[in-house]
Protein backbone atom coordinates (compact mmCIF):
# COMPACT_ATOMS: atom_id res chain seq x y z
CA MET A 1 -37.96 -96.66 -9.79
CA THR A 2 -40.02 -93.77 -11.13
CA GLN A 3 -43.61 -93.73 -9.99
CA ASP A 4 -46.51 -91.80 -11.45
CA PRO A 5 -48.35 -89.98 -8.63
CA ARG A 6 -51.63 -90.65 -10.47
CA ILE A 7 -51.13 -94.36 -9.79
CA ASP A 8 -50.50 -93.62 -6.11
CA ALA A 9 -53.85 -91.79 -6.09
CA TYR A 10 -55.53 -94.61 -8.03
CA ILE A 11 -54.39 -97.24 -5.53
CA ALA A 12 -55.29 -95.08 -2.52
CA ALA A 13 -58.83 -94.62 -3.82
CA LYS A 14 -59.53 -98.36 -4.20
CA PRO A 15 -61.20 -100.68 -1.66
CA ASP A 16 -59.15 -102.15 1.20
CA PHE A 17 -58.88 -105.62 -0.39
CA ALA A 18 -57.50 -104.17 -3.66
CA ARG A 19 -54.72 -101.94 -2.37
CA PRO A 20 -52.25 -104.70 -1.39
CA ILE A 21 -52.92 -106.52 -4.69
CA LEU A 22 -52.24 -103.42 -6.77
CA GLN A 23 -49.15 -102.55 -4.75
CA TYR A 24 -47.80 -106.12 -5.07
CA LEU A 25 -48.28 -106.03 -8.85
CA ARG A 26 -46.68 -102.61 -9.15
CA GLU A 27 -43.63 -103.62 -7.13
CA ALA A 28 -43.28 -106.92 -9.03
CA ILE A 29 -43.29 -105.12 -12.38
CA HIS A 30 -40.64 -102.61 -11.29
CA ALA A 31 -38.48 -105.36 -9.76
CA ALA A 32 -38.58 -107.57 -12.85
CA CYS A 33 -38.36 -104.76 -15.41
CA PRO A 34 -36.56 -101.72 -13.98
CA GLU A 35 -36.90 -99.79 -17.27
CA VAL A 36 -40.70 -99.79 -17.05
CA GLU A 37 -42.56 -96.49 -16.98
CA GLU A 38 -45.91 -95.84 -15.38
CA THR A 39 -48.86 -94.04 -16.86
CA ILE A 40 -52.64 -93.98 -16.83
CA LYS A 41 -54.43 -95.17 -19.97
CA TRP A 42 -58.14 -95.84 -20.26
CA GLY A 43 -58.52 -94.77 -16.65
CA MET A 44 -56.28 -97.51 -15.23
CA PRO A 45 -52.59 -97.99 -14.41
CA ASN A 46 -50.51 -99.06 -17.39
CA PHE A 47 -46.86 -100.00 -17.50
CA THR A 48 -44.90 -99.25 -20.65
CA TYR A 49 -41.56 -100.63 -21.74
CA LYS A 50 -39.56 -98.91 -24.48
CA GLY A 51 -42.66 -97.04 -25.57
CA GLN A 52 -44.92 -100.09 -25.75
CA ILE A 53 -47.56 -101.27 -23.30
CA LEU A 54 -46.22 -104.13 -21.19
CA ALA A 55 -49.14 -104.68 -18.80
CA ASN A 56 -52.04 -103.03 -17.03
CA MET A 57 -54.00 -103.47 -13.84
CA ALA A 58 -57.30 -102.30 -12.44
CA ALA A 59 -59.48 -102.66 -9.38
CA PHE A 60 -63.25 -102.82 -9.17
CA LYS A 61 -65.77 -103.15 -6.32
CA ALA A 62 -65.11 -106.82 -5.60
CA HIS A 63 -62.04 -107.83 -7.60
CA ALA A 64 -58.86 -106.64 -9.25
CA ALA A 65 -57.47 -107.56 -12.65
CA PHE A 66 -54.03 -107.75 -14.24
CA GLY A 67 -52.95 -108.55 -17.75
CA PHE A 68 -50.09 -108.49 -20.21
CA TRP A 69 -50.66 -106.53 -23.41
CA ARG A 70 -49.38 -109.30 -25.72
CA SER A 71 -50.80 -111.97 -23.48
CA SER A 72 -51.03 -114.81 -25.99
CA GLU A 73 -47.25 -114.67 -26.45
CA VAL A 74 -46.56 -114.46 -22.71
CA VAL A 75 -49.03 -116.84 -21.04
CA GLY A 76 -51.21 -118.18 -23.86
CA LYS A 77 -54.84 -118.92 -23.10
CA THR A 78 -55.34 -119.49 -19.38
CA GLY A 79 -59.12 -119.84 -19.33
CA ALA A 80 -59.26 -117.23 -16.56
CA GLU A 81 -59.51 -114.41 -19.09
CA HIS A 82 -63.21 -115.29 -19.47
CA ASP A 83 -63.84 -114.46 -15.81
CA ALA A 84 -62.40 -110.94 -15.84
CA MET A 85 -60.10 -108.60 -17.72
CA GLY A 86 -56.55 -109.93 -18.00
CA GLN A 87 -55.13 -113.44 -17.80
CA PHE A 88 -55.54 -114.10 -14.10
CA GLY A 89 -59.32 -113.82 -13.82
CA ARG A 90 -60.93 -112.24 -10.78
CA ILE A 91 -58.18 -111.38 -8.32
CA GLU A 92 -59.74 -111.05 -4.87
CA SER A 93 -56.63 -111.58 -2.76
CA LEU A 94 -52.88 -112.04 -3.14
CA ASP A 95 -53.48 -115.80 -3.09
CA ASP A 96 -55.05 -115.47 -6.56
CA LEU A 97 -51.72 -114.35 -8.04
CA PRO A 98 -48.57 -116.33 -8.85
CA ASP A 99 -45.73 -116.20 -6.34
CA ALA A 100 -43.12 -113.47 -6.77
CA ALA A 101 -40.63 -115.68 -8.68
CA THR A 102 -43.25 -116.92 -11.16
CA LEU A 103 -44.75 -113.47 -11.66
CA GLY A 104 -41.29 -111.96 -12.13
CA GLY A 105 -40.52 -114.57 -14.79
CA LEU A 106 -43.71 -113.72 -16.67
CA ILE A 107 -42.93 -110.01 -16.52
CA ARG A 108 -39.43 -110.59 -17.90
CA LYS A 109 -40.93 -112.78 -20.63
CA ALA A 110 -43.39 -110.00 -21.51
CA ALA A 111 -40.48 -107.55 -21.84
CA ALA A 112 -38.58 -110.05 -24.02
CA VAL A 113 -41.61 -110.37 -26.29
CA LEU A 114 -41.61 -106.60 -26.76
CA ASP A 115 -37.85 -106.64 -27.37
CA ALA A 116 -38.38 -109.23 -30.12
CA GLY A 117 -40.40 -106.77 -32.16
CA ARG A 118 -43.86 -106.49 -33.63
CA ALA A 119 -46.52 -109.05 -32.97
CA PRO A 120 -46.70 -111.68 -35.70
CA ARG A 121 -49.42 -110.98 -38.20
CA LYS A 122 -52.34 -113.32 -38.34
CA PRO A 123 -52.28 -115.36 -41.51
CA LYS A 124 -54.67 -114.13 -44.14
CA ASN A 125 -57.64 -116.28 -44.95
CA PRO A 126 -57.27 -118.00 -48.29
CA PRO A 127 -59.36 -116.38 -51.02
CA LYS A 128 -62.79 -117.82 -51.55
CA PRO A 129 -63.13 -119.95 -54.66
CA ALA A 130 -64.89 -118.43 -57.64
CA PRO A 131 -68.66 -118.85 -57.29
CA GLU A 132 -70.42 -121.50 -59.31
CA THR A 133 -72.93 -119.82 -61.58
CA PRO A 134 -76.41 -121.39 -61.33
CA ASP A 135 -77.89 -122.76 -64.56
CA ASP A 136 -80.72 -120.22 -64.82
CA LEU A 137 -78.34 -117.26 -64.46
CA ARG A 138 -75.85 -118.80 -66.91
CA ALA A 139 -78.63 -119.38 -69.50
CA ALA A 140 -79.79 -115.77 -69.15
CA LEU A 141 -76.23 -114.51 -69.55
CA VAL A 142 -75.74 -116.58 -72.72
CA SER A 143 -78.76 -114.82 -74.23
CA SER A 144 -77.12 -111.42 -73.58
CA PRO A 145 -73.54 -111.20 -74.84
CA ALA A 146 -73.01 -107.78 -73.22
CA ALA A 147 -74.12 -109.05 -69.81
CA SER A 148 -72.07 -112.22 -70.23
CA ALA A 149 -68.94 -110.25 -71.12
CA THR A 150 -69.44 -108.00 -68.07
CA PHE A 151 -70.01 -110.97 -65.75
CA ASP A 152 -66.93 -112.79 -67.04
CA SER A 153 -64.79 -109.65 -66.62
CA PHE A 154 -65.83 -109.17 -62.99
CA PRO A 155 -63.48 -110.24 -60.21
CA PRO A 156 -64.76 -113.26 -58.23
CA SER A 157 -66.16 -111.06 -55.43
CA CYS A 158 -68.44 -109.17 -57.85
CA ARG A 159 -69.62 -112.39 -59.49
CA ARG A 160 -70.27 -113.82 -56.03
CA GLU A 161 -72.52 -110.85 -55.14
CA TYR A 162 -74.76 -111.52 -58.14
CA VAL A 163 -74.77 -115.30 -57.67
CA GLU A 164 -75.62 -115.05 -53.95
CA TRP A 165 -78.37 -112.50 -54.65
CA VAL A 166 -80.00 -114.87 -57.15
CA VAL A 167 -79.54 -118.01 -55.06
CA GLU A 168 -80.88 -116.43 -51.86
CA ALA A 169 -84.31 -115.78 -53.43
CA LYS A 170 -86.90 -117.86 -51.61
CA ARG A 171 -89.60 -118.02 -54.29
CA PRO A 172 -89.15 -119.01 -57.95
CA GLU A 173 -90.85 -115.78 -59.06
CA THR A 174 -88.42 -113.69 -57.03
CA ARG A 175 -85.47 -115.64 -58.38
CA ALA A 176 -86.65 -115.14 -61.99
CA LYS A 177 -87.01 -111.38 -61.38
CA ARG A 178 -83.53 -111.22 -59.90
CA VAL A 179 -82.03 -113.10 -62.84
CA ALA A 180 -83.69 -110.68 -65.28
CA GLN A 181 -82.59 -107.65 -63.23
CA ALA A 182 -79.05 -108.98 -62.93
CA VAL A 183 -78.76 -109.48 -66.69
CA GLU A 184 -80.14 -105.99 -67.33
CA TRP A 185 -77.65 -104.38 -64.94
CA MET A 186 -74.70 -106.37 -66.21
CA ALA A 187 -75.60 -105.53 -69.84
CA GLU A 188 -75.13 -101.91 -68.70
CA GLY A 189 -71.78 -102.80 -67.11
CA LYS A 190 -73.07 -102.42 -63.54
CA ARG A 191 -71.98 -104.27 -60.45
CA ARG A 192 -74.58 -105.70 -58.08
CA ASN A 193 -74.36 -102.77 -55.64
CA TRP A 194 -73.78 -100.06 -58.25
CA LYS A 195 -76.29 -97.73 -56.58
CA TYR A 196 -74.00 -97.31 -53.57
CA GLU A 197 -70.64 -97.02 -55.30
CA ASN A 198 -70.66 -93.24 -55.78
CA CYS A 199 -72.31 -92.28 -52.49
């Protein structure tokens, strides 16, 4: 077991209640995953496995914290992550942690997750549907073939910017001004935010 002397110093500098918690966590990680390496990242002890972060721990004035890097794949949502950093909430004594067998199993699972490869990508949100053009904007576009051609050639996101700008007007006068301005800009081939495109 290779130990980073900076973690020895980190543990020694923490309050009395925290030292046995941190030492227990450190020993459990090394016992369950002998290949783990120690380091300090973000000012706290981190444990890496095959070049990837496996877990980290920290101690504060009144509690300690411990968490797995890819926690959702190891323990899922525990509810305790809202109370403090990590998945075990505020750890104030050894009684707040799982027993050695359970903790060892979680550590081995965390290593297996890293062995399995990259985290699965979150599914992309489906594209938004094309915006529905309001009647007043459509009528104004019909009266200007150049603006209409530009609007129809825009991708949905650019059309949406113009439609939302017109629809968000609170007063009829403002909306009419925006329709007129939109048609003028589109007749010139401009997108809604053309002023910022070459900044």
